[in-house]
Amino acid sequence: VAKDGEQVVGYAGLMFALDEAHVTNIASDPTRHRQGIARLLMAHIAQQAIVHKSEALTLEVRVSNTAAQELYRHFGFAPAGVRQRYYENTEDALVMWAHDIQDAAYQTRLENVMRGSATS
């Protein structure tokens, strides 16, 4: 949970299964978009996955949510498939994966993202 004082401004969820970690959700207050909240939450999730010895991270994102997809690319996620009519409005979900998160190269990427110098 991300807070500004007592106000919740974002949240994220992570589920562990075998050697994978699944991002169940990540959201920030729409009035606070582009303030780095989702980036900080995603960094925390990635760090937790590393601590729990996960080898990969996965998530689903709306195909229309290109801003979120760009954020995830900074964290090493790449498209791996589509889940047809995944969301309640029948929108498709893009399945994305970040592999080898225990590698030093991934951890360097994570540090770079937090410094704001990551490339997609």
N, C-alpha and C. Protein backbone atom coordinates (compact mmCIF):
# COMPACT_ATOMS: atom_id res chain seq x y z
N VAL A 1 0.85 -1.18 0.00
CA VAL A 1 0.00 0.00 0.00
C VAL A 1 0.89 1.24 0.00
N ALA A 2 0.56 2.19 -0.86
CA ALA A 2 1.26 3.48 -0.89
C ALA A 2 0.36 4.52 -0.24
N LYS A 3 0.93 5.28 0.68
CA LYS A 3 0.16 6.30 1.39
C LYS A 3 0.84 7.65 1.28
N ASP A 4 0.02 8.69 1.31
CA ASP A 4 0.47 10.06 1.46
C ASP A 4 -0.17 10.54 2.76
N GLY A 5 0.59 10.50 3.83
CA GLY A 5 0.01 10.73 5.14
C GLY A 5 -0.88 9.56 5.49
N GLU A 6 -2.14 9.83 5.74
CA GLU A 6 -3.10 8.77 6.04
C GLU A 6 -3.89 8.34 4.81
N GLN A 7 -3.71 9.04 3.69
CA GLN A 7 -4.49 8.75 2.49
C GLN A 7 -3.82 7.66 1.65
N VAL A 8 -4.58 6.62 1.31
CA VAL A 8 -4.09 5.58 0.41
C VAL A 8 -4.08 6.15 -1.01
N VAL A 9 -2.91 6.10 -1.67
CA VAL A 9 -2.79 6.62 -3.03
C VAL A 9 -2.44 5.53 -4.03
N GLY A 10 -2.24 4.31 -3.55
CA GLY A 10 -1.96 3.20 -4.45
C GLY A 10 -1.84 1.90 -3.69
N TYR A 11 -1.94 0.81 -4.44
CA TYR A 11 -1.79 -0.51 -3.84
C TYR A 11 -1.35 -1.50 -4.91
N ALA A 12 -0.80 -2.60 -4.45
CA ALA A 12 -0.36 -3.66 -5.36
C ALA A 12 -0.48 -5.00 -4.64
N GLY A 13 -0.64 -6.05 -5.43
CA GLY A 13 -0.73 -7.40 -4.88
C GLY A 13 0.20 -8.34 -5.62
N LEU A 14 0.69 -9.32 -4.90
CA LEU A 14 1.62 -10.29 -5.47
C LEU A 14 1.30 -11.67 -4.90
N MET A 15 1.25 -12.66 -5.78
CA MET A 15 0.97 -14.04 -5.37
C MET A 15 2.15 -14.92 -5.80
N PHE A 16 2.59 -15.78 -4.91
CA PHE A 16 3.70 -16.67 -5.21
C PHE A 16 3.19 -18.06 -5.55
N ALA A 17 3.76 -18.66 -6.60
CA ALA A 17 3.42 -20.03 -7.01
C ALA A 17 4.69 -20.67 -7.55
N LEU A 18 5.16 -21.70 -6.83
CA LEU A 18 6.41 -22.37 -7.18
C LEU A 18 7.52 -21.35 -7.30
N ASP A 19 8.18 -21.26 -8.45
CA ASP A 19 9.29 -20.31 -8.59
C ASP A 19 8.89 -19.05 -9.36
N GLU A 20 7.58 -18.76 -9.39
CA GLU A 20 7.08 -17.59 -10.09
C GLU A 20 6.33 -16.69 -9.13
N ALA A 21 6.29 -15.42 -9.47
CA ALA A 21 5.49 -14.45 -8.71
C ALA A 21 4.54 -13.78 -9.70
N HIS A 22 3.26 -13.75 -9.32
CA HIS A 22 2.23 -13.20 -10.19
C HIS A 22 1.73 -11.88 -9.61
N VAL A 23 1.86 -10.81 -10.39
CA VAL A 23 1.34 -9.51 -9.98
C VAL A 23 -0.17 -9.57 -10.17
N THR A 24 -0.91 -9.55 -9.07
CA THR A 24 -2.37 -9.67 -9.15
C THR A 24 -3.04 -8.35 -9.44
N ASN A 25 -2.46 -7.27 -8.95
CA ASN A 25 -2.99 -5.94 -9.27
C ASN A 25 -1.98 -4.88 -8.88
N ILE A 26 -2.12 -3.75 -9.52
CA ILE A 26 -1.33 -2.57 -9.19
C ILE A 26 -2.16 -1.38 -9.64
N ALA A 27 -2.37 -0.46 -8.72
CA ALA A 27 -3.22 0.69 -9.04
C ALA A 27 -2.77 1.90 -8.24
N SER A 28 -2.98 3.06 -8.85
CA SER A 28 -2.72 4.31 -8.13
C SER A 28 -3.91 5.24 -8.35
N ASP A 29 -4.07 6.15 -7.42
CA ASP A 29 -5.14 7.14 -7.48
C ASP A 29 -5.05 7.87 -8.83
N PRO A 30 -6.13 7.88 -9.61
CA PRO A 30 -6.09 8.54 -10.92
C PRO A 30 -5.66 10.00 -10.86
N THR A 31 -5.94 10.67 -9.75
CA THR A 31 -5.52 12.07 -9.63
C THR A 31 -4.03 12.19 -9.35
N ARG A 32 -3.36 11.06 -9.10
CA ARG A 32 -1.93 11.06 -8.78
C ARG A 32 -1.10 10.35 -9.85
N HIS A 33 -1.70 10.05 -11.01
CA HIS A 33 -0.94 9.40 -12.07
C HIS A 33 0.25 10.27 -12.47
N ARG A 34 1.28 9.61 -12.95
CA ARG A 34 2.52 10.25 -13.41
C ARG A 34 3.33 10.88 -12.28
N GLN A 35 3.10 10.40 -11.06
CA GLN A 35 3.87 10.88 -9.91
C GLN A 35 4.82 9.81 -9.38
N GLY A 36 4.94 8.69 -10.08
CA GLY A 36 5.88 7.65 -9.69
C GLY A 36 5.35 6.63 -8.70
N ILE A 37 4.07 6.71 -8.36
CA ILE A 37 3.51 5.78 -7.37
C ILE A 37 3.54 4.35 -7.89
N ALA A 38 3.05 4.13 -9.10
CA ALA A 38 3.04 2.77 -9.67
C ALA A 38 4.47 2.24 -9.83
N ARG A 39 5.40 3.11 -10.20
CA ARG A 39 6.80 2.69 -10.34
C ARG A 39 7.35 2.21 -9.00
N LEU A 40 7.07 2.94 -7.94
CA LEU A 40 7.54 2.54 -6.61
C LEU A 40 6.89 1.24 -6.16
N LEU A 41 5.59 1.10 -6.41
CA LEU A 41 4.91 -0.15 -6.05
C LEU A 41 5.48 -1.32 -6.84
N MET A 42 5.71 -1.12 -8.13
CA MET A 42 6.26 -2.19 -8.96
C MET A 42 7.66 -2.57 -8.50
N ALA A 43 8.46 -1.59 -8.12
CA ALA A 43 9.81 -1.87 -7.61
C ALA A 43 9.73 -2.68 -6.32
N HIS A 44 8.81 -2.33 -5.45
CA HIS A 44 8.64 -3.07 -4.20
C HIS A 44 8.23 -4.51 -4.49
N ILE A 45 7.30 -4.70 -5.40
CA ILE A 45 6.86 -6.05 -5.78
C ILE A 45 8.03 -6.86 -6.33
N ALA A 46 8.80 -6.25 -7.23
CA ALA A 46 9.93 -6.96 -7.82
C ALA A 46 10.94 -7.34 -6.75
N GLN A 47 11.20 -6.44 -5.82
CA GLN A 47 12.13 -6.74 -4.73
C GLN A 47 11.61 -7.89 -3.86
N GLN A 48 10.32 -7.90 -3.59
CA GLN A 48 9.74 -8.99 -2.80
C GLN A 48 9.87 -10.33 -3.54
N ALA A 49 9.66 -10.31 -4.84
CA ALA A 49 9.80 -11.54 -5.63
C ALA A 49 11.24 -12.05 -5.56
N ILE A 50 12.19 -11.15 -5.61
CA ILE A 50 13.60 -11.54 -5.52
C ILE A 50 13.89 -12.14 -4.14
N VAL A 51 13.44 -11.48 -3.09
CA VAL A 51 13.65 -11.96 -1.72
C VAL A 51 13.06 -13.35 -1.53
N HIS A 52 11.90 -13.60 -2.15
CA HIS A 52 11.24 -14.91 -2.03
C HIS A 52 11.78 -15.94 -3.03
N LYS A 53 12.88 -15.61 -3.69
CA LYS A 53 13.59 -16.54 -4.59
C LYS A 53 12.79 -16.91 -5.84
N SER A 54 11.86 -16.06 -6.24
CA SER A 54 11.15 -16.30 -7.50
C SER A 54 12.13 -16.12 -8.65
N GLU A 55 11.92 -16.87 -9.71
CA GLU A 55 12.77 -16.78 -10.90
C GLU A 55 12.16 -15.88 -11.97
N ALA A 56 10.84 -15.65 -11.87
CA ALA A 56 10.15 -14.86 -12.89
C ALA A 56 8.96 -14.14 -12.28
N LEU A 57 8.59 -13.05 -12.93
CA LEU A 57 7.39 -12.29 -12.59
C LEU A 57 6.45 -12.35 -13.78
N THR A 58 5.16 -12.41 -13.54
CA THR A 58 4.18 -12.39 -14.62
C THR A 58 3.00 -11.52 -14.22
N LEU A 59 2.26 -11.05 -15.22
CA LEU A 59 1.07 -10.25 -14.98
C LEU A 59 0.22 -10.22 -16.24
N GLU A 60 -1.01 -9.77 -16.07
CA GLU A 60 -1.89 -9.47 -17.19
C GLU A 60 -2.20 -7.98 -17.14
N VAL A 61 -2.32 -7.37 -18.31
CA VAL A 61 -2.65 -5.96 -18.41
C VAL A 61 -3.59 -5.76 -19.59
N ARG A 62 -4.52 -4.84 -19.45
CA ARG A 62 -5.44 -4.57 -20.55
C ARG A 62 -4.66 -4.19 -21.80
N VAL A 63 -5.08 -4.71 -22.94
CA VAL A 63 -4.38 -4.38 -24.19
C VAL A 63 -4.46 -2.88 -24.47
N SER A 64 -5.48 -2.22 -23.95
CA SER A 64 -5.64 -0.77 -24.17
C SER A 64 -4.79 0.07 -23.22
N ASN A 65 -4.22 -0.52 -22.18
CA ASN A 65 -3.48 0.23 -21.18
C ASN A 65 -2.00 0.31 -21.55
N THR A 66 -1.73 1.11 -22.56
CA THR A 66 -0.36 1.22 -23.07
C THR A 66 0.58 1.90 -22.07
N ALA A 67 0.06 2.79 -21.24
CA ALA A 67 0.91 3.43 -20.23
C ALA A 67 1.44 2.40 -19.24
N ALA A 68 0.58 1.50 -18.78
CA ALA A 68 1.02 0.45 -17.86
C ALA A 68 2.00 -0.49 -18.55
N GLN A 69 1.72 -0.84 -19.80
CA GLN A 69 2.62 -1.72 -20.53
C GLN A 69 4.02 -1.11 -20.63
N GLU A 70 4.09 0.18 -20.86
CA GLU A 70 5.39 0.86 -20.94
C GLU A 70 6.11 0.79 -19.59
N LEU A 71 5.38 1.01 -18.51
CA LEU A 71 5.98 0.90 -17.18
C LEU A 71 6.55 -0.50 -16.99
N TYR A 72 5.77 -1.51 -17.32
CA TYR A 72 6.21 -2.89 -17.12
C TYR A 72 7.43 -3.22 -17.97
N ARG A 73 7.51 -2.67 -19.17
CA ARG A 73 8.69 -2.89 -20.02
C ARG A 73 9.95 -2.37 -19.34
N HIS A 74 9.84 -1.24 -18.65
CA HIS A 74 11.00 -0.72 -17.91
C HIS A 74 11.48 -1.72 -16.87
N PHE A 75 10.57 -2.52 -16.35
CA PHE A 75 10.92 -3.52 -15.35
C PHE A 75 11.27 -4.87 -15.98
N GLY A 76 11.50 -4.89 -17.28
CA GLY A 76 11.95 -6.10 -17.95
C GLY A 76 10.86 -7.02 -18.43
N PHE A 77 9.61 -6.61 -18.34
CA PHE A 77 8.51 -7.45 -18.83
C PHE A 77 8.44 -7.38 -20.34
N ALA A 78 8.10 -8.52 -20.94
CA ALA A 78 7.91 -8.60 -22.38
C ALA A 78 6.60 -9.35 -22.65
N PRO A 79 5.89 -8.97 -23.71
CA PRO A 79 4.65 -9.68 -24.05
C PRO A 79 4.92 -11.15 -24.34
N ALA A 80 3.99 -12.00 -23.88
CA ALA A 80 4.15 -13.44 -24.10
C ALA A 80 2.88 -14.09 -24.64
N GLY A 81 1.81 -13.34 -24.72
CA GLY A 81 0.56 -13.90 -25.22
C GLY A 81 -0.61 -13.01 -24.88
N VAL A 82 -1.78 -13.46 -25.30
CA VAL A 82 -3.02 -12.71 -25.07
C VAL A 82 -4.06 -13.65 -24.48
N ARG A 83 -4.75 -13.18 -23.46
CA ARG A 83 -5.90 -13.91 -22.92
C ARG A 83 -7.15 -13.23 -23.49
N GLN A 84 -7.84 -13.95 -24.35
CA GLN A 84 -9.02 -13.41 -25.02
C GLN A 84 -10.13 -13.11 -24.02
N ARG A 85 -10.76 -11.95 -24.16
CA ARG A 85 -11.93 -11.55 -23.35
C ARG A 85 -11.71 -11.79 -21.85
N TYR A 86 -10.56 -11.43 -21.35
CA TYR A 86 -10.16 -11.68 -19.97
C TYR A 86 -10.92 -10.79 -18.98
N TYR A 87 -11.17 -9.56 -19.37
CA TYR A 87 -11.81 -8.60 -18.46
C TYR A 87 -13.32 -8.59 -18.63
N GLU A 88 -14.01 -8.07 -17.61
CA GLU A 88 -15.47 -8.10 -17.58
C GLU A 88 -16.12 -7.42 -18.78
N ASN A 89 -15.45 -6.45 -19.38
CA ASN A 89 -16.01 -5.79 -20.57
C ASN A 89 -15.59 -6.50 -21.85
N THR A 90 -15.08 -7.70 -21.73
CA THR A 90 -14.59 -8.59 -22.80
C THR A 90 -13.30 -8.09 -23.45
N GLU A 91 -12.63 -7.13 -22.82
CA GLU A 91 -11.35 -6.69 -23.36
C GLU A 91 -10.30 -7.78 -23.14
N ASP A 92 -9.39 -7.91 -24.10
CA ASP A 92 -8.31 -8.88 -24.00
C ASP A 92 -7.25 -8.40 -23.01
N ALA A 93 -6.52 -9.37 -22.46
CA ALA A 93 -5.39 -9.08 -21.58
C ALA A 93 -4.11 -9.49 -22.27
N LEU A 94 -3.12 -8.64 -22.21
CA LEU A 94 -1.79 -8.96 -22.67
C LEU A 94 -1.06 -9.62 -21.50
N VAL A 95 -0.52 -10.81 -21.72
CA VAL A 95 0.25 -11.51 -20.69
C VAL A 95 1.71 -11.10 -20.86
N MET A 96 2.32 -10.66 -19.78
CA MET A 96 3.72 -10.22 -19.83
C MET A 96 4.53 -10.97 -18.78
N TRP A 97 5.80 -11.22 -19.11
CA TRP A 97 6.72 -11.92 -18.21
C TRP A 97 8.03 -11.16 -18.10
N ALA A 98 8.61 -11.23 -16.92
CA ALA A 98 10.01 -10.83 -16.69
C ALA A 98 10.71 -12.07 -16.16
N HIS A 99 11.68 -12.56 -16.90
CA HIS A 99 12.38 -13.79 -16.53
C HIS A 99 13.73 -13.49 -15.89
N ASP A 100 14.29 -14.50 -15.25
CA ASP A 100 15.65 -14.44 -14.69
C ASP A 100 15.83 -13.26 -13.73
N ILE A 101 14.86 -13.06 -12.86
CA ILE A 101 14.93 -11.90 -11.97
C ILE A 101 15.96 -12.07 -10.85
N GLN A 102 16.49 -13.28 -10.68
CA GLN A 102 17.55 -13.49 -9.70
C GLN A 102 18.92 -13.10 -10.25
N ASP A 103 19.01 -12.91 -11.56
CA ASP A 103 20.29 -12.56 -12.19
C ASP A 103 20.72 -11.14 -11.81
N ALA A 104 22.02 -10.94 -11.75
CA ALA A 104 22.56 -9.61 -11.44
C ALA A 104 22.10 -8.58 -12.46
N ALA A 105 21.96 -8.98 -13.72
CA ALA A 105 21.52 -8.04 -14.76
C ALA A 105 20.13 -7.49 -14.46
N TYR A 106 19.24 -8.35 -13.97
CA TYR A 106 17.89 -7.88 -13.64
C TYR A 106 17.94 -6.94 -12.44
N GLN A 107 18.73 -7.29 -11.46
CA GLN A 107 18.81 -6.46 -10.27
C GLN A 107 19.42 -5.09 -10.59
N THR A 108 20.35 -5.06 -11.55
CA THR A 108 20.89 -3.78 -12.02
C THR A 108 19.79 -2.99 -12.72
N ARG A 109 18.98 -3.67 -13.54
CA ARG A 109 17.86 -3.00 -14.21
C ARG A 109 16.94 -2.37 -13.17
N LEU A 110 16.63 -3.12 -12.13
CA LEU A 110 15.75 -2.63 -11.08
C LEU A 110 16.34 -1.38 -10.41
N GLU A 111 17.62 -1.40 -10.13
CA GLU A 111 18.28 -0.23 -9.55
C GLU A 111 18.20 0.95 -10.50
N ASN A 112 18.40 0.71 -11.80
CA ASN A 112 18.34 1.78 -12.79
C ASN A 112 16.94 2.37 -12.89
N VAL A 113 15.93 1.52 -12.83
CA VAL A 113 14.55 2.02 -12.87
C VAL A 113 14.31 2.95 -11.69
N MET A 114 14.78 2.57 -10.54
CA MET A 114 14.57 3.39 -9.35
C MET A 114 15.33 4.71 -9.42
N ARG A 115 16.43 4.73 -10.15
CA ARG A 115 17.17 5.98 -10.34
C ARG A 115 16.59 6.79 -11.49
N GLY A 116 15.65 6.18 -12.22
CA GLY A 116 15.03 6.89 -13.34
C GLY A 116 15.82 6.83 -14.62
N SER A 117 16.75 5.86 -14.73
CA SER A 117 17.59 5.80 -15.92
C SER A 117 17.38 4.53 -16.73
N ALA A 118 16.24 3.87 -16.54
CA ALA A 118 15.99 2.62 -17.27
C ALA A 118 15.58 2.90 -18.70
N THR A 119 15.89 1.94 -19.55
CA THR A 119 15.42 1.99 -20.93
C THR A 119 14.53 0.79 -21.16
N SER A 120 13.64 0.91 -22.11
CA SER A 120 12.72 -0.19 -22.37
C SER A 120 13.34 -1.23 -23.27
